[in-house]
């Protein structure tokens, strides 16, 4: 790997690599860059840019206003209430 100094990149990433790891990762990185280079040679001029390879569409439904539950019915189910509001602990795990 003459283009990328693996030891320097490891230092930037705060990784402590042994000389054997530097050699192994350098070879792996070289193989990866060769593969990317081969992909760069493919004729892609006629390929449309896409973010997804599978066509997607949103599934939507009509937004209908419906009556909500009665406040007293809902508050009657609450473990703790304070007036017309739910009573919750200030910190999760703390008793209300």
C-alpha atoms as a PDB file:
ATOM      1  CA  UNK A   1       0.000   0.000   0.000  1.00  0.00           C
ATOM      2  CA  UNK A   2       1.919   3.020  -1.167  1.00  0.00           C
ATOM      3  CA  UNK A   3      -1.107   5.334  -1.406  1.00  0.00           C
ATOM      4  CA  UNK A   4      -2.400   4.970   2.150  1.00  0.00           C
ATOM      5  CA  UNK A   5      -0.273   4.847   5.279  1.00  0.00           C
ATOM      6  CA  UNK A   6      -2.209   2.314   7.368  1.00  0.00           C
ATOM      7  CA  UNK A   7      -0.240   3.094  10.527  1.00  0.00           C
ATOM      8  CA  UNK A   8      -1.072   6.799  10.160  1.00  0.00           C
ATOM      9  CA  UNK A   9      -4.776   6.095   9.594  1.00  0.00           C
ATOM     10  CA  UNK A  10      -4.778   3.784  12.628  1.00  0.00           C
ATOM     11  CA  UNK A  11      -3.184   6.553  14.690  1.00  0.00           C
ATOM     12  CA  UNK A  12      -5.875   9.024  13.567  1.00  0.00           C
ATOM     13  CA  UNK A  13      -8.522   6.481  14.566  1.00  0.00           C
ATOM     14  CA  UNK A  14      -6.716   5.988  17.895  1.00  0.00           C
ATOM     15  CA  UNK A  15      -6.143   2.308  17.154  1.00  0.00           C
ATOM     16  CA  UNK A  16      -3.073   0.504  18.410  1.00  0.00           C
ATOM     17  CA  UNK A  17      -2.097  -1.960  15.695  1.00  0.00           C
ATOM     18  CA  UNK A  18       0.734  -4.447  15.716  1.00  0.00           C
ATOM     19  CA  UNK A  19       3.055  -4.561  12.691  1.00  0.00           C
ATOM     20  CA  UNK A  20       1.362  -7.815  11.623  1.00  0.00           C
ATOM     21  CA  UNK A  21      -2.069  -6.144  11.776  1.00  0.00           C
ATOM     22  CA  UNK A  22      -0.802  -3.154   9.793  1.00  0.00           C
ATOM     23  CA  UNK A  23       0.464  -5.486   7.083  1.00  0.00           C
ATOM     24  CA  UNK A  24      -2.762  -7.559   7.051  1.00  0.00           C
ATOM     25  CA  UNK A  25      -5.085  -4.541   7.043  1.00  0.00           C
ATOM     26  CA  UNK A  26      -2.934  -2.843   4.411  1.00  0.00           C
ATOM     27  CA  UNK A  27      -3.353  -5.839   2.125  1.00  0.00           C
ATOM     28  CA  UNK A  28      -7.106  -5.929   2.780  1.00  0.00           C
ATOM     29  CA  UNK A  29      -7.432  -2.210   2.126  1.00  0.00           C
ATOM     30  CA  UNK A  30      -5.433  -2.584  -1.078  1.00  0.00           C
ATOM     31  CA  UNK A  31      -7.773  -5.344  -2.283  1.00  0.00           C
ATOM     32  CA  UNK A  32     -10.783  -3.209  -1.416  1.00  0.00           C
ATOM     33  CA  UNK A  33      -9.417  -0.220  -3.319  1.00  0.00           C
ATOM     34  CA  UNK A  34      -8.668  -2.432  -6.332  1.00  0.00           C
ATOM     35  CA  UNK A  35     -12.282  -3.607  -6.289  1.00  0.00           C
ATOM     36  CA  UNK A  36     -13.549  -0.017  -6.079  1.00  0.00           C
ATOM     37  CA  UNK A  37     -11.256   0.868  -8.959  1.00  0.00           C
ATOM     38  CA  UNK A  38     -12.733  -1.965 -11.026  1.00  0.00           C
ATOM     39  CA  UNK A  39     -16.246  -0.714 -10.225  1.00  0.00           C
ATOM     40  CA  UNK A  40     -15.249   2.809 -11.284  1.00  0.00           C
ATOM     41  CA  UNK A  41     -14.432   1.465 -14.758  1.00  0.00           C
ATOM     42  CA  UNK A  42     -17.966   0.152 -15.334  1.00  0.00           C
ATOM     43  CA  UNK A  43     -20.065   2.049 -17.887  1.00  0.00           C
ATOM     44  CA  UNK A  44     -22.629   3.833 -15.722  1.00  0.00           C
ATOM     45  CA  UNK A  45     -23.427   6.832 -17.936  1.00  0.00           C
ATOM     46  CA  UNK A  46     -26.817   5.382 -18.927  1.00  0.00           C
ATOM     47  CA  UNK A  47     -27.783   4.378 -15.379  1.00  0.00           C
ATOM     48  CA  UNK A  48     -30.165   6.765 -13.667  1.00  0.00           C
ATOM     49  CA  UNK A  49     -29.142   7.986 -10.228  1.00  0.00           C
ATOM     50  CA  UNK A  50     -31.309   6.416  -7.533  1.00  0.00           C
ATOM     51  CA  UNK A  51     -31.443   6.342  -3.792  1.00  0.00           C
ATOM     52  CA  UNK A  52     -33.344   3.043  -3.771  1.00  0.00           C
ATOM     53  CA  UNK A  53     -32.923   0.046  -6.020  1.00  0.00           C
ATOM     54  CA  UNK A  54     -36.486  -1.123  -5.398  1.00  0.00           C
ATOM     55  CA  UNK A  55     -39.429   1.085  -6.363  1.00  0.00           C
ATOM     56  CA  UNK A  56     -41.225   2.443  -3.310  1.00  0.00           C
ATOM     57  CA  UNK A  57     -44.467   4.309  -2.848  1.00  0.00           C
ATOM     58  CA  UNK A  58     -46.134   5.837   0.162  1.00  0.00           C
ATOM     59  CA  UNK A  59     -49.231   4.158   1.491  1.00  0.00           C
ATOM     60  CA  UNK A  60     -51.612   6.857   2.605  1.00  0.00           C
ATOM     61  CA  UNK A  61     -55.108   7.005   3.932  1.00  0.00           C
ATOM     62  CA  UNK A  62     -57.582   9.800   4.277  1.00  0.00           C
ATOM     63  CA  UNK A  63     -57.148  11.770   7.498  1.00  0.00           C
ATOM     64  CA  UNK A  64     -60.502  11.682   9.248  1.00  0.00           C
ATOM     65  CA  UNK A  65     -61.367  13.501  12.444  1.00  0.00           C
ATOM     66  CA  UNK A  66     -63.062  11.165  14.922  1.00  0.00           C
ATOM     67  CA  UNK A  67     -64.234  11.832  18.455  1.00  0.00           C
ATOM     68  CA  UNK A  68     -61.683  11.031  21.146  1.00  0.00           C
ATOM     69  CA  UNK A  69     -62.263   9.215  24.409  1.00  0.00           C
ATOM     70  CA  UNK A  70     -63.991  10.984  27.272  1.00  0.00           C
ATOM     71  CA  UNK A  71     -61.437  12.685  29.573  1.00  0.00           C
ATOM     72  CA  UNK A  72     -62.926  11.288  32.793  1.00  0.00           C
ATOM     73  CA  UNK A  73     -63.004   7.748  31.382  1.00  0.00           C
ATOM     74  CA  UNK A  74     -59.325   7.957  30.447  1.00  0.00           C
ATOM     75  CA  UNK A  75     -58.237   9.613  33.710  1.00  0.00           C
ATOM     76  CA  UNK A  76     -60.127   6.977  35.680  1.00  0.00           C
ATOM     77  CA  UNK A  77     -57.695   4.397  34.219  1.00  0.00           C
ATOM     78  CA  UNK A  78     -54.586   6.416  35.187  1.00  0.00           C
ATOM     79  CA  UNK A  79     -52.478   5.100  38.087  1.00  0.00           C
ATOM     80  CA  UNK A  80     -52.219   8.659  39.424  1.00  0.00           C
ATOM     81  CA  UNK A  81     -53.880  11.923  38.502  1.00  0.00           C
ATOM     82  CA  UNK A  82     -53.792  15.533  39.591  1.00  0.00           C
ATOM     83  CA  UNK A  83     -56.957  17.410  38.707  1.00  0.00           C
ATOM     84  CA  UNK A  84     -57.659  17.036  34.983  1.00  0.00           C
ATOM     85  CA  UNK A  85     -54.101  15.776  34.245  1.00  0.00           C
ATOM     86  CA  UNK A  86     -52.086  12.567  34.437  1.00  0.00           C
ATOM     87  CA  UNK A  87     -49.632  12.612  37.360  1.00  0.00           C
ATOM     88  CA  UNK A  88     -46.206  11.275  36.333  1.00  0.00           C
ATOM     89  CA  UNK A  89     -42.885  11.129  38.197  1.00  0.00           C
ATOM     90  CA  UNK A  90     -40.324  13.845  37.457  1.00  0.00           C
ATOM     91  CA  UNK A  91     -37.658  11.198  36.905  1.00  0.00           C
ATOM     92  CA  UNK A  92     -38.372   7.842  35.330  1.00  0.00           C
ATOM     93  CA  UNK A  93     -38.235   5.179  38.017  1.00  0.00           C
ATOM     94  CA  UNK A  94     -39.130   7.638  40.791  1.00  0.00           C
ATOM     95  CA  UNK A  95     -42.447   7.162  42.588  1.00  0.00           C
ATOM     96  CA  UNK A  96     -45.135   9.678  41.623  1.00  0.00           C
END
